[in-house]
Amino acid sequence: MDSSHVRREISRKRRVMRVRKTLKGDSAKPRLNVFKSNQHIYAQIIDDEVGKTLISISTLSKECKKAKMTGKSKKVGRFLGEHLADMAKSKNIEHVVFDRGRFKYHGVIAELAEGARSKGLQF
């Protein structure tokens, strides 16, 4: 690999660990992890004690395709957050720890969080 690629990968891992070192999800307060790629957004609620994903949703899921919410925009981020909060309430999850990963709390990530908060998910 080229040295610039290695440096970029190391920087990404440092950013992730800097954010995640203080976050720990458990059964009472699981972790809401968000990832965005060039084309899609992924969000999942994880119980770190067991190492199990409790709920997951993305722009590739059936619910989003049915609602014609594909791509990566603020509108789609808000829809994902609201739908994720509804799914969490159905599983009696009200409190989560928000894990933005290496991404800034800005744009699509912020809209996803605000959508989840608007439906009653607390973090």
C-alpha atoms as a PDB file:
ATOM      1  CA  MET A   1       0.000   0.000   0.000  1.00  0.00           C
ATOM      2  CA  ASP A   2       0.983   3.555  -0.591  1.00  0.00           C
ATOM      3  CA  SER A   3       2.143   5.420   2.500  1.00  0.00           C
ATOM      4  CA  SER A   4      -0.656   7.997   2.181  1.00  0.00           C
ATOM      5  CA  HIS A   5      -3.245   5.201   2.342  1.00  0.00           C
ATOM      6  CA  VAL A   6      -1.588   3.729   5.408  1.00  0.00           C
ATOM      7  CA  ARG A   7      -1.515   7.133   7.142  1.00  0.00           C
ATOM      8  CA  ARG A   8      -5.175   7.751   6.312  1.00  0.00           C
ATOM      9  CA  GLU A   9      -6.201   4.335   7.669  1.00  0.00           C
ATOM     10  CA  ILE A  10      -4.217   4.904  10.865  1.00  0.00           C
ATOM     11  CA  SER A  11      -5.835   8.329  11.303  1.00  0.00           C
ATOM     12  CA  ARG A  12      -9.308   6.852  10.831  1.00  0.00           C
ATOM     13  CA  LYS A  13      -8.685   4.160  13.428  1.00  0.00           C
ATOM     14  CA  ARG A  14      -7.370   6.764  15.884  1.00  0.00           C
ATOM     15  CA  ARG A  15     -10.490   8.901  15.409  1.00  0.00           C
ATOM     16  CA  VAL A  16     -12.757   5.906  15.988  1.00  0.00           C
ATOM     17  CA  MET A  17     -10.905   4.857  19.129  1.00  0.00           C
ATOM     18  CA  ARG A  18     -10.823   8.432  20.478  1.00  0.00           C
ATOM     19  CA  VAL A  19     -14.621   8.573  20.261  1.00  0.00           C
ATOM     20  CA  ARG A  20     -15.314   4.989  21.306  1.00  0.00           C
ATOM     21  CA  LYS A  21     -12.931   4.689  24.283  1.00  0.00           C
ATOM     22  CA  THR A  22     -15.425   6.412  26.571  1.00  0.00           C
ATOM     23  CA  LEU A  23     -18.529   4.694  25.158  1.00  0.00           C
ATOM     24  CA  LYS A  24     -19.743   1.341  26.367  1.00  0.00           C
ATOM     25  CA  GLY A  25     -23.172  -0.079  25.706  1.00  0.00           C
ATOM     26  CA  ASP A  26     -24.822  -2.561  28.063  1.00  0.00           C
ATOM     27  CA  SER A  27     -28.207  -4.201  28.340  1.00  0.00           C
ATOM     28  CA  ALA A  28     -29.700  -1.219  30.199  1.00  0.00           C
ATOM     29  CA  LYS A  29     -28.235   1.377  27.814  1.00  0.00           C
ATOM     30  CA  PRO A  30     -27.086  -0.128  24.490  1.00  0.00           C
ATOM     31  CA  ARG A  31     -24.890   1.670  21.958  1.00  0.00           C
ATOM     32  CA  LEU A  32     -26.396   3.315  18.854  1.00  0.00           C
ATOM     33  CA  ASN A  33     -23.701   3.028  16.204  1.00  0.00           C
ATOM     34  CA  VAL A  34     -23.874   5.011  12.946  1.00  0.00           C
ATOM     35  CA  PHE A  35     -21.843   4.403   9.790  1.00  0.00           C
ATOM     36  CA  LYS A  36     -22.072   6.153   6.477  1.00  0.00           C
ATOM     37  CA  SER A  37     -20.470   5.066   3.251  1.00  0.00           C
ATOM     38  CA  ASN A  38     -20.336   6.956  -0.023  1.00  0.00           C
ATOM     39  CA  GLN A  39     -23.855   5.849  -0.957  1.00  0.00           C
ATOM     40  CA  HIS A  40     -25.632   4.516   2.148  1.00  0.00           C
ATOM     41  CA  ILE A  41     -26.263   5.074   5.856  1.00  0.00           C
ATOM     42  CA  TYR A  42     -26.271   2.259   8.412  1.00  0.00           C
ATOM     43  CA  ALA A  43     -27.442   2.428  12.036  1.00  0.00           C
ATOM     44  CA  GLN A  44     -27.572  -0.327  14.620  1.00  0.00           C
ATOM     45  CA  ILE A  45     -28.203  -0.708  18.323  1.00  0.00           C
ATOM     46  CA  ILE A  46     -25.627  -2.984  19.948  1.00  0.00           C
ATOM     47  CA  ASP A  47     -25.380  -4.623  23.381  1.00  0.00           C
ATOM     48  CA  ASP A  48     -21.616  -4.643  24.011  1.00  0.00           C
ATOM     49  CA  GLU A  49     -21.780  -6.971  27.030  1.00  0.00           C
ATOM     50  CA  VAL A  50     -23.140  -9.800  24.894  1.00  0.00           C
ATOM     51  CA  GLY A  51     -21.642  -8.566  21.617  1.00  0.00           C
ATOM     52  CA  LYS A  52     -24.985  -8.769  19.849  1.00  0.00           C
ATOM     53  CA  THR A  53     -26.791  -6.437  17.469  1.00  0.00           C
ATOM     54  CA  LEU A  54     -30.295  -5.845  18.781  1.00  0.00           C
ATOM     55  CA  ILE A  55     -31.705  -3.648  15.992  1.00  0.00           C
ATOM     56  CA  SER A  56     -30.323  -2.578  12.644  1.00  0.00           C
ATOM     57  CA  ILE A  57     -31.563  -0.437   9.792  1.00  0.00           C
ATOM     58  CA  SER A  58     -29.987   1.019   6.680  1.00  0.00           C
ATOM     59  CA  THR A  59     -30.900   2.625   3.406  1.00  0.00           C
ATOM     60  CA  LEU A  60     -30.724  -0.873   1.934  1.00  0.00           C
ATOM     61  CA  SER A  61     -33.497  -2.247   4.181  1.00  0.00           C
ATOM     62  CA  LYS A  62     -37.005  -3.083   2.974  1.00  0.00           C
ATOM     63  CA  GLU A  63     -38.631  -0.302   4.998  1.00  0.00           C
ATOM     64  CA  CYS A  64     -36.524   2.365   3.303  1.00  0.00           C
ATOM     65  CA  LYS A  65     -36.992   0.957  -0.174  1.00  0.00           C
ATOM     66  CA  LYS A  66     -40.749   0.758   0.388  1.00  0.00           C
ATOM     67  CA  ALA A  67     -40.837   4.417   1.483  1.00  0.00           C
ATOM     68  CA  LYS A  68     -38.535   5.373  -1.436  1.00  0.00           C
ATOM     69  CA  MET A  69     -35.896   6.605   1.032  1.00  0.00           C
ATOM     70  CA  THR A  70     -32.633   5.645  -0.626  1.00  0.00           C
ATOM     71  CA  GLY A  71     -29.362   7.462  -0.975  1.00  0.00           C
ATOM     72  CA  LYS A  72     -27.667   9.672   1.564  1.00  0.00           C
ATOM     73  CA  SER A  73     -29.449  12.890   2.453  1.00  0.00           C
ATOM     74  CA  LYS A  74     -30.666  14.673   5.585  1.00  0.00           C
ATOM     75  CA  LYS A  75     -34.248  13.660   4.808  1.00  0.00           C
ATOM     76  CA  VAL A  76     -33.245  10.004   4.652  1.00  0.00           C
ATOM     77  CA  GLY A  77     -31.198  10.365   7.849  1.00  0.00           C
ATOM     78  CA  ARG A  78     -34.198  11.747   9.748  1.00  0.00           C
ATOM     79  CA  PHE A  79     -36.409   8.923   8.404  1.00  0.00           C
ATOM     80  CA  LEU A  80     -33.861   6.312   9.541  1.00  0.00           C
ATOM     81  CA  GLY A  81     -33.613   7.876  13.005  1.00  0.00           C
ATOM     82  CA  GLU A  82     -37.382   7.977  13.452  1.00  0.00           C
ATOM     83  CA  HIS A  83     -37.844   4.421  12.224  1.00  0.00           C
ATOM     84  CA  LEU A  84     -34.985   3.172  14.404  1.00  0.00           C
ATOM     85  CA  ALA A  85     -36.563   4.816  17.466  1.00  0.00           C
ATOM     86  CA  ASP A  86     -39.891   3.134  16.698  1.00  0.00           C
ATOM     87  CA  MET A  87     -38.160  -0.245  16.406  1.00  0.00           C
ATOM     88  CA  ALA A  88     -36.314   0.392  19.690  1.00  0.00           C
ATOM     89  CA  LYS A  89     -39.537   1.274  21.504  1.00  0.00           C
ATOM     90  CA  SER A  90     -41.094  -1.980  20.326  1.00  0.00           C
ATOM     91  CA  LYS A  91     -38.183  -3.794  22.031  1.00  0.00           C
ATOM     92  CA  ASN A  92     -38.503  -1.647  25.199  1.00  0.00           C
ATOM     93  CA  ILE A  93     -35.286   0.312  24.596  1.00  0.00           C
ATOM     94  CA  GLU A  94     -35.598   3.948  25.671  1.00  0.00           C
ATOM     95  CA  HIS A  95     -32.021   5.002  26.536  1.00  0.00           C
ATOM     96  CA  VAL A  96     -28.975   4.537  24.293  1.00  0.00           C
ATOM     97  CA  VAL A  97     -25.389   5.780  24.043  1.00  0.00           C
ATOM     98  CA  PHE A  98     -24.767   7.547  20.717  1.00  0.00           C
ATOM     99  CA  ASP A  99     -21.637   6.390  18.862  1.00  0.00           C
ATOM    100  CA  ARG A 100     -20.879   8.533  15.825  1.00  0.00           C
ATOM    101  CA  GLY A 101     -17.706   6.619  15.013  1.00  0.00           C
ATOM    102  CA  ARG A 102     -15.207   8.649  13.012  1.00  0.00           C
ATOM    103  CA  PHE A 103     -17.840  10.965  11.575  1.00  0.00           C
ATOM    104  CA  LYS A 104     -18.539  14.511  12.735  1.00  0.00           C
ATOM    105  CA  TYR A 105     -21.860  15.227  14.415  1.00  0.00           C
ATOM    106  CA  HIS A 106     -22.995  17.197  11.393  1.00  0.00           C
ATOM    107  CA  GLY A 107     -25.339  16.834   8.436  1.00  0.00           C
ATOM    108  CA  VAL A 108     -26.774  13.360   7.953  1.00  0.00           C
ATOM    109  CA  ILE A 109     -25.447  12.047  11.292  1.00  0.00           C
ATOM    110  CA  ALA A 110     -27.020  14.948  13.209  1.00  0.00           C
ATOM    111  CA  GLU A 111     -30.350  14.504  11.384  1.00  0.00           C
ATOM    112  CA  LEU A 112     -30.415  10.795  12.206  1.00  0.00           C
ATOM    113  CA  ALA A 113     -29.828  11.608  15.878  1.00  0.00           C
ATOM    114  CA  GLU A 114     -32.482  14.353  15.894  1.00  0.00           C
ATOM    115  CA  GLY A 115     -34.975  12.013  14.216  1.00  0.00           C
ATOM    116  CA  ALA A 116     -34.384   9.385  16.888  1.00  0.00           C
ATOM    117  CA  ARG A 117     -34.741  11.982  19.656  1.00  0.00           C
ATOM    118  CA  SER A 118     -37.964  13.328  18.158  1.00  0.00           C
ATOM    119  CA  LYS A 119     -39.550   9.862  18.497  1.00  0.00           C
ATOM    120  CA  GLY A 120     -38.544   9.540  22.146  1.00  0.00           C
ATOM    121  CA  LEU A 121     -35.162   7.789  22.128  1.00  0.00           C
ATOM    122  CA  GLN A 122     -32.997   9.374  24.842  1.00  0.00           C
ATOM    123  CA  PHE A 123     -29.238   9.946  24.645  1.00  0.00           C
END
